[in-house]
Protein backbone atom coordinates (compact mmCIF):
# COMPACT_ATOMS: atom_id res chain seq x y z
CA MET A 1 -48.24 -64.82 54.83
CA ALA A 2 -46.85 -66.73 58.37
CA GLY A 3 -47.59 -64.66 61.56
CA GLN A 4 -49.96 -62.33 60.23
CA GLU A 5 -52.75 -62.03 61.49
CA ASP A 6 -51.19 -62.55 64.78
CA ALA A 7 -49.34 -59.43 64.08
CA SER A 8 -51.86 -57.46 63.93
CA ARG A 9 -54.01 -58.96 67.10
CA ALA A 10 -50.90 -58.16 68.85
CA GLY A 11 -51.09 -54.44 67.95
CA GLN A 12 -51.30 -52.52 70.79
CA GLY A 13 -48.30 -51.14 72.82
CA PRO A 14 -44.21 -52.40 73.52
CA ARG A 15 -45.09 -55.71 73.60
CA GLY A 16 -47.69 -55.70 70.62
CA GLN A 17 -44.71 -53.70 68.59
CA GLN A 18 -42.19 -55.97 69.62
CA ALA A 19 -44.47 -58.82 67.96
CA ARG A 20 -45.20 -56.68 64.27
CA ILE A 21 -41.22 -56.91 64.10
CA ARG A 22 -40.57 -60.21 64.65
CA ILE A 23 -43.58 -61.44 63.03
CA THR A 24 -42.81 -59.11 60.22
CA ARG A 25 -38.96 -60.76 59.43
CA LEU A 26 -40.08 -63.81 59.53
CA ALA A 27 -43.16 -63.12 57.01
CA SER A 28 -40.78 -62.21 54.96
CA HIS A 29 -39.12 -65.71 54.57
CA VAL A 30 -42.88 -66.80 52.48
CA ALA A 31 -42.46 -64.67 50.01
CA PRO A 32 -42.39 -66.76 46.60
CA ASP A 33 -38.63 -67.44 44.73
CA PRO A 34 -36.48 -64.88 45.29
CA ILE A 35 -32.84 -65.69 44.40
CA PRO A 36 -31.60 -67.41 47.75
CA GLN A 37 -28.36 -66.25 49.01
CA THR A 38 -25.39 -68.40 50.33
CA ARG A 39 -24.04 -67.53 53.32
CA GLU A 40 -21.52 -66.36 51.86
CA SER A 41 -22.95 -63.87 49.52
CA SER A 42 -24.84 -62.75 52.64
CA SER A 43 -23.23 -59.57 54.12
CA THR A 44 -25.40 -60.41 57.27
CA GLY A 45 -24.41 -63.22 58.42
CA THR A 46 -26.34 -65.64 61.29
CA SER A 47 -23.37 -64.71 63.75
CA SER A 48 -23.78 -61.36 63.74
CA THR A 49 -27.93 -61.44 63.98
CA ALA A 50 -27.77 -63.39 67.12
CA SER A 51 -24.69 -61.21 68.57
CA ASP A 52 -26.47 -58.29 67.83
CA THR A 53 -29.94 -58.53 68.62
CA GLY A 54 -29.56 -62.10 70.71
CA LYS A 55 -28.73 -61.42 74.42
CA GLU A 56 -30.54 -60.67 77.38
CA SER A 57 -29.67 -58.76 80.28
CA THR A 58 -28.39 -61.40 82.51
CA GLY A 59 -25.56 -62.07 79.82
CA ARG A 60 -27.36 -65.08 78.46
CA ARG A 61 -27.52 -65.50 74.48
CA LYS A 62 -31.16 -65.09 73.57
CA ALA A 63 -32.86 -68.15 71.81
CA ARG A 64 -34.40 -67.30 68.92
CA VAL A 65 -36.09 -71.08 68.88
CA VAL A 66 -38.22 -72.44 71.67
CA VAL A 67 -38.59 -76.42 71.04
CA VAL A 68 -41.20 -78.35 73.51
CA GLY A 69 -41.00 -81.73 72.97
CA GLY A 70 -40.14 -85.03 74.15
CA SER A 71 -36.54 -87.20 75.11
CA VAL A 72 -35.97 -91.36 74.98
CA LEU A 73 -33.46 -93.50 74.67
CA ASP A 74 -33.95 -95.75 71.52
CA VAL A 75 -33.60 -98.92 71.69
CA HIS A 76 -33.26 -100.81 68.85
CA LEU A 77 -33.27 -104.40 68.50
CA THR A 78 -32.34 -106.37 65.22
CA ARG A 79 -32.84 -109.78 64.79
CA ASP A 80 -31.99 -112.29 62.38
CA GLY A 81 -34.62 -114.86 62.17
CA ALA A 82 -37.39 -115.88 65.07
CA VAL A 83 -37.38 -118.90 67.44
CA VAL A 84 -40.57 -118.77 69.70
CA GLY A 85 -39.15 -119.17 73.56
CA SER A 86 -35.89 -118.43 72.95
CA THR A 87 -32.86 -115.51 72.29
CA VAL A 88 -31.27 -114.94 68.63
CA PRO A 89 -28.06 -113.95 67.69
CA GLY A 90 -28.95 -110.21 66.44
CA MET A 91 -27.39 -106.33 67.55
CA VAL A 92 -28.60 -104.30 70.22
CA ARG A 93 -28.59 -100.35 69.63
CA PHE A 94 -28.66 -97.59 71.86
CA GLN A 95 -29.16 -94.19 70.85
CA HIS A 96 -31.13 -90.44 71.90
CA GLY A 97 -34.50 -89.74 70.33
CA GLY A 98 -37.50 -88.29 70.69
CA VAL A 99 -38.63 -85.79 67.84
CA GLY A 100 -38.59 -82.70 70.22
CA ARG A 101 -35.23 -83.76 71.10
CA ASN A 102 -33.87 -84.62 67.68
CA ILE A 103 -35.50 -81.53 66.11
CA ALA A 104 -33.73 -79.12 69.69
CA GLU A 105 -30.23 -81.35 69.22
CA CYS A 106 -30.27 -80.70 64.49
CA LEU A 107 -30.83 -77.01 65.11
CA GLY A 108 -27.85 -77.06 67.82
CA ARG A 109 -25.28 -78.85 64.65
CA LEU A 110 -26.81 -75.90 62.63
CA ARG A 111 -24.80 -73.31 65.15
CA GLU A 112 -28.71 -71.94 65.88
CA ARG A 113 -28.46 -72.85 70.25
CA PRO A 114 -32.22 -73.47 70.54
CA LEU A 115 -34.49 -73.45 74.12
CA PHE A 116 -35.47 -77.09 74.98
CA VAL A 117 -38.32 -77.41 77.17
CA SER A 118 -38.67 -81.24 77.69
CA VAL A 119 -38.36 -83.98 81.02
CA VAL A 120 -36.33 -86.73 81.58
CA GLY A 121 -35.57 -89.25 84.65
CA GLU A 122 -32.92 -88.87 87.32
CA ASP A 123 -31.14 -91.93 85.89
CA ALA A 124 -28.21 -92.27 83.44
CA ALA A 125 -30.05 -91.85 79.66
CA GLY A 126 -31.37 -88.69 81.11
CA ARG A 127 -27.92 -87.53 82.16
CA GLU A 128 -26.48 -89.08 78.76
CA ILE A 129 -29.14 -86.62 77.37
CA LEU A 130 -28.38 -83.89 78.72
CA ASN A 131 -24.29 -83.83 78.55
CA ALA A 132 -25.31 -84.53 74.28
CA LEU A 133 -27.32 -81.37 74.13
CA ARG A 134 -24.97 -79.26 75.91
CA SER A 135 -22.43 -80.49 73.93
CA ALA A 136 -24.12 -79.83 70.43
CA GLY A 137 -25.00 -76.71 71.59
CA VAL A 138 -28.80 -76.43 73.03
CA ASP A 139 -29.30 -74.70 75.54
CA THR A 140 -31.01 -77.34 78.76
CA ARG A 141 -32.48 -75.26 81.11
CA GLY A 142 -35.72 -76.17 80.04
CA ILE A 143 -35.64 -79.84 80.67
CA LYS A 144 -36.86 -80.48 83.99
CA VAL A 145 -34.82 -83.75 85.31
CA CYS A 146 -37.95 -85.71 87.28
CA PRO A 147 -36.33 -87.70 90.93
CA GLU A 148 -37.49 -91.32 91.09
CA ARG A 149 -38.48 -91.39 87.23
CA THR A 150 -36.89 -93.15 84.74
CA THR A 151 -36.29 -91.71 81.16
CA PRO A 152 -38.75 -92.58 78.89
CA VAL A 153 -37.89 -95.13 76.01
CA VAL A 154 -38.96 -96.26 72.41
CA ALA A 155 -37.84 -100.13 72.38
CA CYS A 156 -37.92 -101.18 68.48
CA THR A 157 -37.11 -104.53 66.95
CA PHE A 158 -36.44 -104.67 63.34
CA ASP A 159 -35.98 -108.12 60.94
CA GLY A 160 -32.89 -108.44 58.69
CA SER A 161 -34.29 -106.10 56.01
CA GLY A 162 -34.36 -103.41 58.04
CA GLY A 163 -38.30 -103.92 58.48
CA LEU A 164 -39.96 -103.10 61.57
CA VAL A 165 -41.03 -105.58 63.77
CA SER A 166 -42.56 -104.61 66.62
CA GLY A 167 -41.86 -101.89 69.32
CA VAL A 168 -43.00 -100.85 73.07
CA ALA A 169 -42.70 -97.10 73.62
CA ASP A 170 -42.88 -96.24 77.45
CA THR A 171 -43.29 -92.58 77.05
CA ALA A 172 -45.81 -91.75 80.28
CA LEU A 173 -43.40 -89.34 81.78
CA VAL A 174 -43.33 -86.57 78.48
CA GLU A 175 -47.43 -86.39 79.54
CA SER A 176 -47.38 -86.52 83.08
CA GLU A 177 -44.42 -84.13 83.48
CA LEU A 178 -44.31 -82.20 80.54
CA ASP A 179 -47.47 -79.48 81.94
CA GLY A 180 -48.49 -76.58 81.58
CA THR A 181 -47.22 -75.92 84.72
CA TRP A 182 -43.85 -76.05 83.63
CA VAL A 183 -43.92 -75.41 80.34
CA SER A 184 -45.44 -71.64 81.73
CA GLY A 185 -41.72 -71.25 83.76
CA PHE A 186 -40.30 -70.17 80.59
CA ARG A 187 -43.19 -67.89 78.91
CA ARG A 188 -40.72 -65.34 78.82
CA ASP A 189 -38.37 -67.28 76.63
CA ILE A 190 -41.62 -68.04 74.03
CA GLU A 191 -42.29 -64.97 74.06
CA ARG A 192 -39.03 -63.92 72.91
CA ALA A 193 -38.55 -66.23 70.07
CA GLU A 194 -38.81 -66.03 66.49
CA VAL A 195 -40.80 -69.62 66.59
CA LEU A 196 -41.78 -72.22 69.15
CA VAL A 197 -41.14 -75.66 67.66
CA LEU A 198 -44.02 -77.90 69.48
CA GLU A 199 -44.63 -82.43 68.45
CA ALA A 200 -47.68 -84.32 69.01
CA ASN A 201 -46.44 -85.84 72.03
CA LEU A 202 -47.08 -83.44 74.53
CA SER A 203 -50.38 -83.79 76.41
CA PRO A 204 -53.32 -81.81 75.13
CA GLU A 205 -52.95 -79.49 78.48
CA ALA A 206 -49.44 -78.34 77.64
CA LEU A 207 -50.12 -77.71 73.90
CA ALA A 208 -52.87 -75.29 74.81
CA SER A 209 -50.98 -74.14 77.39
CA CYS A 210 -47.34 -73.40 74.90
CA PHE A 211 -50.62 -72.50 72.14
CA GLU A 212 -52.05 -69.58 74.33
CA ILE A 213 -48.37 -67.61 75.30
CA ALA A 214 -47.35 -67.50 71.31
CA TYR A 215 -50.70 -66.46 70.11
CA HIS A 216 -50.55 -63.62 72.69
CA ALA A 217 -47.02 -63.36 72.03
CA GLY A 218 -46.99 -62.95 68.27
CA VAL A 219 -44.83 -66.03 67.95
CA PRO A 220 -45.22 -68.20 65.56
CA VAL A 221 -45.66 -72.12 66.05
CA PHE A 222 -44.35 -75.19 63.46
CA PHE A 223 -46.00 -78.30 64.44
CA GLU A 224 -44.55 -81.50 63.59
CA PRO A 225 -47.29 -84.62 63.84
CA VAL A 226 -44.70 -87.32 64.97
CA SER A 227 -47.70 -90.03 64.05
CA VAL A 228 -51.29 -90.55 62.56
CA THR A 229 -52.66 -91.25 65.54
CA LYS A 230 -51.42 -88.84 68.11
CA SER A 231 -51.20 -85.94 64.93
CA ALA A 232 -55.01 -85.65 65.04
CA ARG A 233 -54.14 -83.11 68.11
CA ALA A 234 -53.47 -80.43 66.48
CA ALA A 235 -56.94 -80.33 65.16
CA PRO A 236 -58.12 -77.90 67.64
CA PHE A 237 -55.61 -75.29 67.08
CA LEU A 238 -54.88 -75.26 63.73
CA GLN A 239 -56.18 -71.09 62.96
CA ARG A 240 -52.87 -70.69 65.50
CA ILE A 241 -50.32 -72.97 63.10
CA ALA A 242 -47.98 -71.28 60.90
CA TYR A 243 -46.04 -74.11 59.87
CA LEU A 244 -47.51 -77.84 59.61
CA SER A 245 -45.00 -80.57 58.57
CA PRO A 246 -46.81 -84.30 58.23
CA ASN A 247 -46.67 -86.91 55.94
CA GLU A 248 -49.06 -87.83 53.59
CA ALA A 249 -50.80 -90.63 56.42
CA GLU A 250 -50.64 -87.67 59.01
CA LEU A 251 -52.11 -85.03 56.82
CA GLY A 252 -55.42 -87.09 56.26
CA ALA A 253 -55.84 -87.70 60.07
CA ILE A 254 -55.50 -84.33 60.68
CA ALA A 255 -58.32 -83.33 57.61
CA ALA A 256 -60.54 -86.17 59.43
CA ALA A 257 -60.06 -85.33 62.76
CA SER A 258 -60.82 -81.17 61.52
CA GLY A 259 -64.57 -82.03 61.65
CA ARG A 260 -65.00 -80.74 58.01
CA SER A 261 -66.36 -82.95 55.31
CA ARG A 262 -63.58 -84.09 52.82
CA PRO A 263 -63.76 -84.25 49.05
CA LEU A 264 -64.33 -87.62 47.60
CA GLY A 265 -61.48 -89.35 46.06
CA GLY A 266 -59.21 -85.87 47.46
CA GLY A 267 -55.42 -86.09 47.22
CA LEU A 268 -52.68 -84.06 49.26
CA THR A 269 -53.44 -81.26 47.58
CA GLU A 270 -56.84 -81.23 48.78
CA ASP A 271 -56.84 -82.59 52.10
CA ALA A 272 -53.78 -79.32 51.85
CA ALA A 273 -56.42 -77.25 51.40
CA LEU A 274 -59.00 -78.26 53.94
CA LEU A 275 -56.43 -77.32 56.45
CA ARG A 276 -55.76 -74.05 54.84
CA SER A 277 -59.44 -72.86 54.81
CA LEU A 278 -59.15 -73.79 58.63
CA GLY A 279 -56.54 -71.70 59.48
CA VAL A 280 -52.90 -73.32 59.19
CA LYS A 281 -50.94 -70.43 57.23
CA ASN A 282 -47.84 -73.25 55.64
CA VAL A 283 -48.78 -77.12 55.64
CA LEU A 284 -45.87 -78.51 54.07
CA VAL A 285 -46.11 -82.86 52.92
CA THR A 286 -43.22 -84.62 53.69
CA ARG A 287 -43.33 -87.43 51.46
CA GLY A 288 -39.47 -89.47 52.00
CA SER A 289 -37.52 -90.02 48.41
CA HIS A 290 -40.24 -88.34 46.58
CA GLY A 291 -39.58 -84.50 48.52
CA VAL A 292 -41.68 -82.19 49.77
CA LEU A 293 -44.79 -80.95 48.69
CA ILE A 294 -45.87 -77.40 49.89
CA ALA A 295 -49.13 -76.02 49.96
CA ARG A 296 -48.80 -71.77 51.29
CA GLY A 297 -51.22 -69.57 52.93
CA ASP A 298 -51.65 -67.72 49.35
CA GLY A 299 -53.86 -70.91 47.81
CA THR A 300 -50.43 -71.37 45.60
CA CYS A 301 -48.69 -74.88 45.69
CA GLN A 302 -44.36 -75.77 45.25
CA HIS A 303 -43.07 -79.37 44.62
CA LEU A 304 -39.74 -80.06 46.03
CA PRO A 305 -37.67 -82.54 44.82
CA SER A 306 -35.03 -84.81 47.19
CA LEU A 307 -31.88 -85.91 46.64
CA GLY A 308 -31.13 -89.54 44.79
CA VAL A 309 -28.85 -90.66 48.16
CA ARG A 310 -27.50 -93.86 49.46
CA VAL A 311 -30.25 -94.48 52.68
CA ALA A 312 -28.96 -96.03 55.77
CA ASN A 313 -31.57 -95.33 58.00
CA VAL A 314 -34.84 -92.99 57.97
CA ASN A 315 -35.10 -92.66 61.57
CA GLY A 316 -34.95 -89.05 62.65
CA ALA A 317 -34.76 -87.60 59.34
CA GLY A 318 -38.06 -86.55 58.76
CA ASP A 319 -36.74 -84.28 62.32
CA CYS A 320 -33.67 -83.10 60.92
CA LEU A 321 -35.85 -82.39 57.75
CA VAL A 322 -38.01 -79.72 60.71
CA ALA A 323 -34.76 -78.21 62.27
CA GLY A 324 -33.15 -77.45 58.44
CA VAL A 325 -36.43 -75.60 57.87
CA ILE A 326 -36.55 -73.12 60.69
CA ARG A 327 -32.79 -72.85 60.72
CA ALA A 328 -33.47 -70.96 57.22
CA LEU A 329 -36.28 -69.32 58.36
CA VAL A 330 -35.10 -67.96 61.01
CA GLY A 331 -31.29 -67.42 59.79
CA ALA A 332 -29.41 -65.08 57.42
CA GLY A 333 -32.14 -63.96 54.68
CA ASN A 334 -32.35 -66.78 52.73
CA GLY A 335 -35.10 -65.00 51.18
CA SER A 336 -38.45 -67.76 51.08
CA LEU A 337 -40.39 -70.60 52.29
CA GLU A 338 -39.19 -72.95 49.16
CA TYR A 339 -35.39 -72.07 49.56
CA ALA A 340 -35.98 -72.90 53.56
CA VAL A 341 -37.48 -76.38 52.73
CA SER A 342 -35.18 -77.07 49.97
CA TYR A 343 -32.56 -76.55 53.23
CA GLY A 344 -34.41 -78.96 55.19
CA ILE A 345 -34.40 -80.85 52.43
CA ALA A 346 -30.90 -81.22 52.17
CA VAL A 347 -30.35 -81.87 55.62
CA ALA A 348 -32.61 -84.78 55.91
CA CYS A 349 -30.76 -86.43 52.95
CA GLU A 350 -27.23 -86.03 55.19
CA ALA A 351 -29.55 -87.14 58.21
CA VAL A 352 -30.30 -90.56 56.11
CA GLN A 353 -27.09 -91.46 55.31
CA THR A 354 -26.00 -91.93 59.27
CA ALA A 355 -27.08 -94.31 61.71
CA GLY A 356 -27.87 -92.28 63.83
CA ASN A 357 -31.01 -90.05 64.19
CA VAL A 358 -29.26 -86.83 63.74
CA PRO A 359 -26.00 -86.34 61.39
CA ASP A 360 -22.58 -84.48 62.28
CA LEU A 361 -23.70 -81.83 59.72
CA VAL A 362 -19.78 -80.64 59.53
CA SER A 363 -19.98 -78.49 56.22
CA GLU A 364 -22.46 -75.83 56.20
CA GLU A 365 -21.03 -75.40 52.63
CA GLY A 366 -22.19 -78.92 51.42
CA ILE A 367 -25.83 -78.76 52.80
CA GLU A 368 -26.52 -74.82 51.42
CA ALA A 369 -24.81 -76.65 47.57
CA SER A 370 -27.52 -79.68 47.97
CA ALA A 371 -29.86 -77.03 49.52
CA LEU A 372 -29.90 -75.07 46.21
CA GLN A 373 -30.07 -78.03 44.28
CA VAL A 374 -33.04 -79.23 45.46
CA PHE A 375 -33.88 -75.74 44.96
CA SER A 376 -33.53 -74.93 41.47
CA ARG A 377 -35.88 -78.36 40.50
CA ARG A 378 -39.02 -76.88 42.04
CA ARG A 379 -41.92 -77.12 40.05
CA GLU A 380 -45.30 -75.47 40.27
CA ILE A 381 -48.47 -77.57 41.05
CA ALA A 382 -51.60 -76.83 38.95
CA THR A 383 -54.42 -76.06 41.88
């Protein structure tokens, strides 16, 4: 179960005892299939948990979730046609993006105040990102503002049907400035967290620093692979990952990068089993409209379906799924990893119906109802 090895390694002294308590609490969320409690039926709500146990001596509320990742300005250009050497009519949209930033904002909108560790440039885009995150309820003291540098930008061109034509990513600032030294400045926050969220846009050096801090403090790590190319960055740290959320292509890439032989003709369950054998506690394979495959640390697999909703935009949906899973894991005791993933699917379904990367998420009751609908349709998969 998630965090079990780290809890045993943290076994000496007051810090070890605190780590065991924290890991035991999170480990209870991966027990198989209890009946989930809704917010109305739970006698110990999230707000009481945070207010009773979450204050530091300075009066600042302790972050139960720390997210370390990138912040970017997304520029989306949609055109109807193409004329070489000439401009064409179309639509240009600017929105705040970045995998880590999306997860942090979504957690904030789910009323979970995460600490976000990131970097932005000293420019208008950076100021807008900071202000928007604060408005969403995110603790932004972990965001470094880099003088005389520009905020990372990802510009993508889409055709009239929404298909990606080409894109350019100017994200060097994340790898050059979001380094181990900056991350280490928030060591105490990470050590006190219930979950550390990392994503593959981080440099190998920054990832190593984060995993080392979490390992010694017994804090479970949730890793988002980001892309096929960058997902291989997870390979050196598989034994220290409690939750991994690849899509099908990223799952195969991580399995290939592990250096272990893969069975010929193997599929999702075989690749997931390989990663579990290498130390990953729980693999959550995201499959878009086909839902999520959960490969648990105990060797069992389950499928949870998606919901039939009208899709307006898929950008950010996977990040919102991660945020929803984490929110349920550290929430008021809804009982199982299966329910947490159901909750994440419900949040992702909200995301795909909106134009932005992260939806407003104004109705917790609606999300809970959708989560219960997904949860009721779960099924075991033979392995």
